[in-house]
Protein backbone atom coordinates (compact mmCIF):
# COMPACT_ATOMS: atom_id res chain seq x y z
CA MET A 1 8.07 -26.08 -9.54
CA ALA A 2 6.20 -22.76 -9.61
CA PHE A 3 3.11 -22.34 -7.46
CA ILE A 4 1.30 -20.47 -10.23
CA SER A 5 2.29 -20.60 -13.86
CA GLU A 6 -0.08 -18.09 -15.42
CA VAL A 7 -1.84 -14.84 -14.62
CA LYS A 8 -4.16 -14.05 -17.49
CA ILE A 9 -5.60 -10.59 -18.12
CA VAL A 10 -9.30 -11.13 -18.81
CA GLN A 11 -10.71 -7.60 -18.89
CA ILE A 12 -9.39 -4.09 -19.59
CA MET A 13 -11.45 -0.97 -18.91
CA PRO A 14 -10.88 2.78 -18.65
CA CYS A 15 -9.64 3.85 -15.22
CA ILE A 16 -12.27 5.67 -13.19
CA ALA A 17 -9.77 7.71 -11.14
CA MET A 18 -7.52 8.75 -14.04
CA SER A 19 -9.12 8.92 -17.47
CA GLU A 20 -5.78 8.64 -19.31
CA ARG A 21 -5.06 5.29 -17.63
CA ILE A 22 -6.64 1.84 -17.57
CA ARG A 23 -7.79 -0.71 -15.02
CA PHE A 24 -7.78 -4.45 -15.49
CA ILE A 25 -8.84 -7.77 -14.07
CA ALA A 26 -6.60 -10.82 -14.29
CA GLU A 27 -7.07 -14.39 -13.12
CA PHE A 28 -4.61 -16.78 -11.50
CA ASP A 29 -4.43 -20.34 -12.80
CA ARG A 30 -4.94 -21.57 -9.21
CA ASP A 31 -6.20 -20.36 -5.85
CA ILE A 32 -3.52 -18.44 -3.92
CA SER A 33 -5.32 -18.27 -0.54
CA GLU A 34 -2.57 -20.15 1.27
CA ILE A 35 0.10 -17.72 0.03
CA MET A 36 -1.76 -14.53 0.96
CA PRO A 37 -0.54 -14.41 4.60
CA TYR A 38 3.03 -14.67 3.29
CA LEU A 39 2.41 -11.84 0.83
CA ASN A 40 1.01 -9.81 3.73
CA THR A 41 4.35 -10.24 5.48
CA VAL A 42 6.63 -9.38 2.55
CA ILE A 43 4.75 -6.54 0.83
CA ASP A 44 5.30 -3.22 2.58
CA GLY A 45 2.06 -1.39 3.24
CA ALA A 46 -0.20 -4.31 2.39
CA ILE A 47 -3.69 -4.29 3.90
CA TYR A 48 -4.87 -7.84 4.44
CA ASN A 49 -8.36 -9.04 5.26
CA HIS A 50 -7.97 -12.67 6.29
CA ALA A 51 -11.74 -13.22 6.44
CA GLY A 52 -12.13 -12.00 2.84
CA PRO A 53 -9.57 -13.14 2.01
CA ASN A 54 -8.19 -10.19 0.09
CA LEU A 55 -5.06 -8.11 0.02
CA THR A 56 -4.79 -4.50 -1.09
CA ILE A 57 -1.46 -3.08 -2.11
CA LYS A 58 -0.10 0.02 -3.75
CA LYS A 59 2.72 -0.20 -6.28
CA GLN A 60 3.85 3.30 -7.12
CA GLU A 61 0.46 4.98 -7.67
CA ARG A 62 -1.28 1.83 -8.87
CA MET A 63 -3.92 0.33 -6.60
CA ILE A 64 -4.03 -3.48 -6.69
CA GLY A 65 -6.62 -5.72 -5.10
CA ILE A 66 -5.72 -9.39 -4.80
CA SER A 67 -8.21 -12.13 -4.04
CA PRO A 68 -7.64 -15.92 -4.10
CA ASN A 69 -8.35 -16.24 -7.82
CA LYS A 70 -7.83 -12.82 -9.35
CA ILE A 71 -6.28 -9.36 -9.40
CA ALA A 72 -8.05 -6.05 -10.00
CA ALA A 73 -5.80 -3.06 -10.58
CA GLY A 74 -6.38 0.60 -11.32
CA LYS A 75 -4.33 3.62 -12.37
CA VAL A 76 -2.35 1.37 -14.73
CA ILE A 77 -0.49 3.19 -17.52
CA ASP A 78 -1.31 0.84 -20.41
CA LEU A 79 -1.52 -2.82 -21.45
CA LYS A 80 2.27 -3.25 -21.28
CA ASP A 81 2.25 -1.90 -17.72
CA ALA A 82 -0.61 -4.29 -16.84
CA GLN A 83 1.35 -7.23 -18.21
CA GLU A 84 4.46 -6.19 -16.26
CA LEU A 85 2.38 -5.98 -13.07
CA THR A 86 1.00 -9.49 -13.58
CA VAL A 87 4.50 -10.88 -14.18
CA TRP A 88 5.81 -9.06 -11.08
CA LEU A 89 2.98 -10.43 -8.97
CA LYS A 90 3.33 -13.97 -10.35
CA ASP A 91 7.06 -13.90 -9.57
CA LEU A 92 6.40 -12.53 -6.08
CA ILE A 93 3.80 -15.21 -5.34
CA ASN A 94 6.11 -17.97 -6.58
CA ASP A 95 9.02 -16.53 -4.58
CA CYS A 96 6.90 -16.45 -1.40
CA TYR A 97 5.84 -20.04 -2.02
CA GLU A 98 9.44 -21.18 -2.48
CA LYS A 99 10.61 -19.29 0.64
CA ARG A 100 7.54 -19.96 2.81
CA GLU A 101 9.61 -21.96 5.32
CA THR A 102 11.65 -18.82 6.06
CA ILE A 103 8.77 -16.30 6.07
CA LYS A 104 6.53 -15.88 9.09
CA PRO A 105 2.99 -15.60 7.67
CA SER A 106 0.82 -12.82 9.06
CA ILE A 107 -2.95 -12.62 9.15
CA GLU A 108 -2.86 -9.27 10.95
CA ARG A 109 -4.79 -6.49 9.29
CA ARG A 110 -2.84 -3.28 9.06
CA LYS A 111 -4.65 -0.38 10.68
CA ARG A 112 -5.47 2.51 8.36
CA LEU A 113 -5.11 5.86 10.06
CA GLY A 114 -7.75 8.51 9.58
CA ALA A 115 -6.88 12.09 8.73
CA LEU A 116 -8.02 13.25 12.18
CA ASP A 117 -5.72 10.69 13.85
CA VAL A 118 -2.82 12.31 12.00
CA TYR A 119 -4.00 15.92 12.23
CA LYS A 120 -4.14 15.96 16.03
CA LEU A 121 -0.41 15.14 16.07
CA LEU A 122 0.63 17.82 13.58
CA PRO A 123 1.62 21.39 14.55
CA ALA A 124 -1.75 22.62 13.16
CA ASN A 125 -0.36 26.04 12.26
CA ASN A 126 -1.01 25.87 8.49
CA CYS A 127 2.53 27.04 7.67
CA LYS A 128 2.31 25.65 4.09
CA LYS A 129 5.96 24.45 4.19
CA CYS A 130 4.69 21.01 3.12
CA ALA A 131 3.14 22.57 -0.03
CA GLU A 132 -0.41 22.04 1.26
CA LEU A 133 -2.76 24.88 2.17
CA THR A 134 -3.60 23.47 5.58
CA CYS A 135 -2.34 20.93 8.06
CA MET A 136 -5.63 19.06 7.58
CA ALA A 137 -4.95 18.75 3.83
CA PHE A 138 -1.48 17.40 4.66
CA ALA A 139 -2.99 14.99 7.22
CA VAL A 140 -5.34 13.59 4.57
CA LYS A 141 -2.44 12.97 2.19
CA LEU A 142 -0.27 11.46 4.91
CA ALA A 143 -3.06 9.13 6.05
CA GLN A 144 -3.55 8.00 2.45
CA GLU A 145 0.22 7.60 1.98
CA GLN A 146 0.34 10.28 -0.71
CA ALA A 147 2.78 12.36 1.33
CA GLY A 148 5.68 11.57 3.62
CA ILE A 149 6.11 12.70 7.21
CA MET A 150 9.40 14.45 6.38
CA GLN A 151 7.44 17.02 4.33
CA CYS A 152 6.26 18.58 7.60
CA ALA A 153 9.29 20.73 8.42
CA GLU A 154 7.59 22.28 11.47
CA LEU A 155 7.23 18.86 13.10
CA PHE A 156 11.03 18.53 13.01
CA SER A 157 11.80 22.11 14.11
CA GLY A 158 12.29 21.14 17.76
CA ASP A 159 9.10 22.82 19.00
CA TYR A 160 6.97 19.69 18.47
CA ASN A 161 9.22 16.84 19.62
CA GLU A 162 6.53 15.14 21.70
CA LYS A 163 3.91 15.26 18.92
CA ARG A 164 6.54 14.16 16.38
CA ASP A 165 7.57 11.14 18.44
CA VAL A 166 3.97 10.05 19.01
CA LEU A 167 3.11 10.49 15.33
CA LEU A 168 6.20 8.59 14.16
CA ASN A 169 5.45 5.72 16.55
CA THR A 170 1.80 5.69 15.47
CA LEU A 171 2.73 5.62 11.79
CA LYS A 172 5.31 2.88 12.37
CA SER A 173 2.94 0.72 14.44
CA CYS A 174 0.32 0.92 11.68
CA GLY A 175 2.78 -0.16 9.00
CA TYR A 176 3.36 3.22 7.37
CA LYS A 177 6.80 3.99 6.06
CA VAL A 178 8.89 6.22 8.31
CA PRO A 179 12.53 7.20 7.81
CA ALA A 180 14.93 4.59 9.13
CA VAL A 181 16.61 7.11 11.46
CA PHE A 182 13.46 7.10 13.58
């Protein structure tokens, strides 16, 4: 038997961040609080606030906030995309519920790095090889997960091995995606 059987979209509005997109609110047919620590374990990059409780995730460029009874999502392409997101999330919740005996729930909150945390570990030479004007601009994008560490060619040139290793370990320990070879 499924843990939740329906996720109903109850409100659609224009997206604030991208005017050509929408945002929406949807409601679960039951409280999912008990499943949220499992979702925190299985969703890469999730930011969980156990006290809230709420979970923030990013799916492609869409931002999704999950609370015990509802979802709020932004940067959604259209109504069809919103419906697909609700089905995806419903299936994920039900899958976590079914497999909960094999998933170690986590109430740990993933640390969000600040741009300065990242910047101090970059070469700071503004080479522009990453397509950004400055290393600080790249650090902002990396901290917000809008850029990947591999875009910084200088960091992998051999001159910055110590900084690279520290940055990769810092990113990994905070739950950011890093290439599997590291």
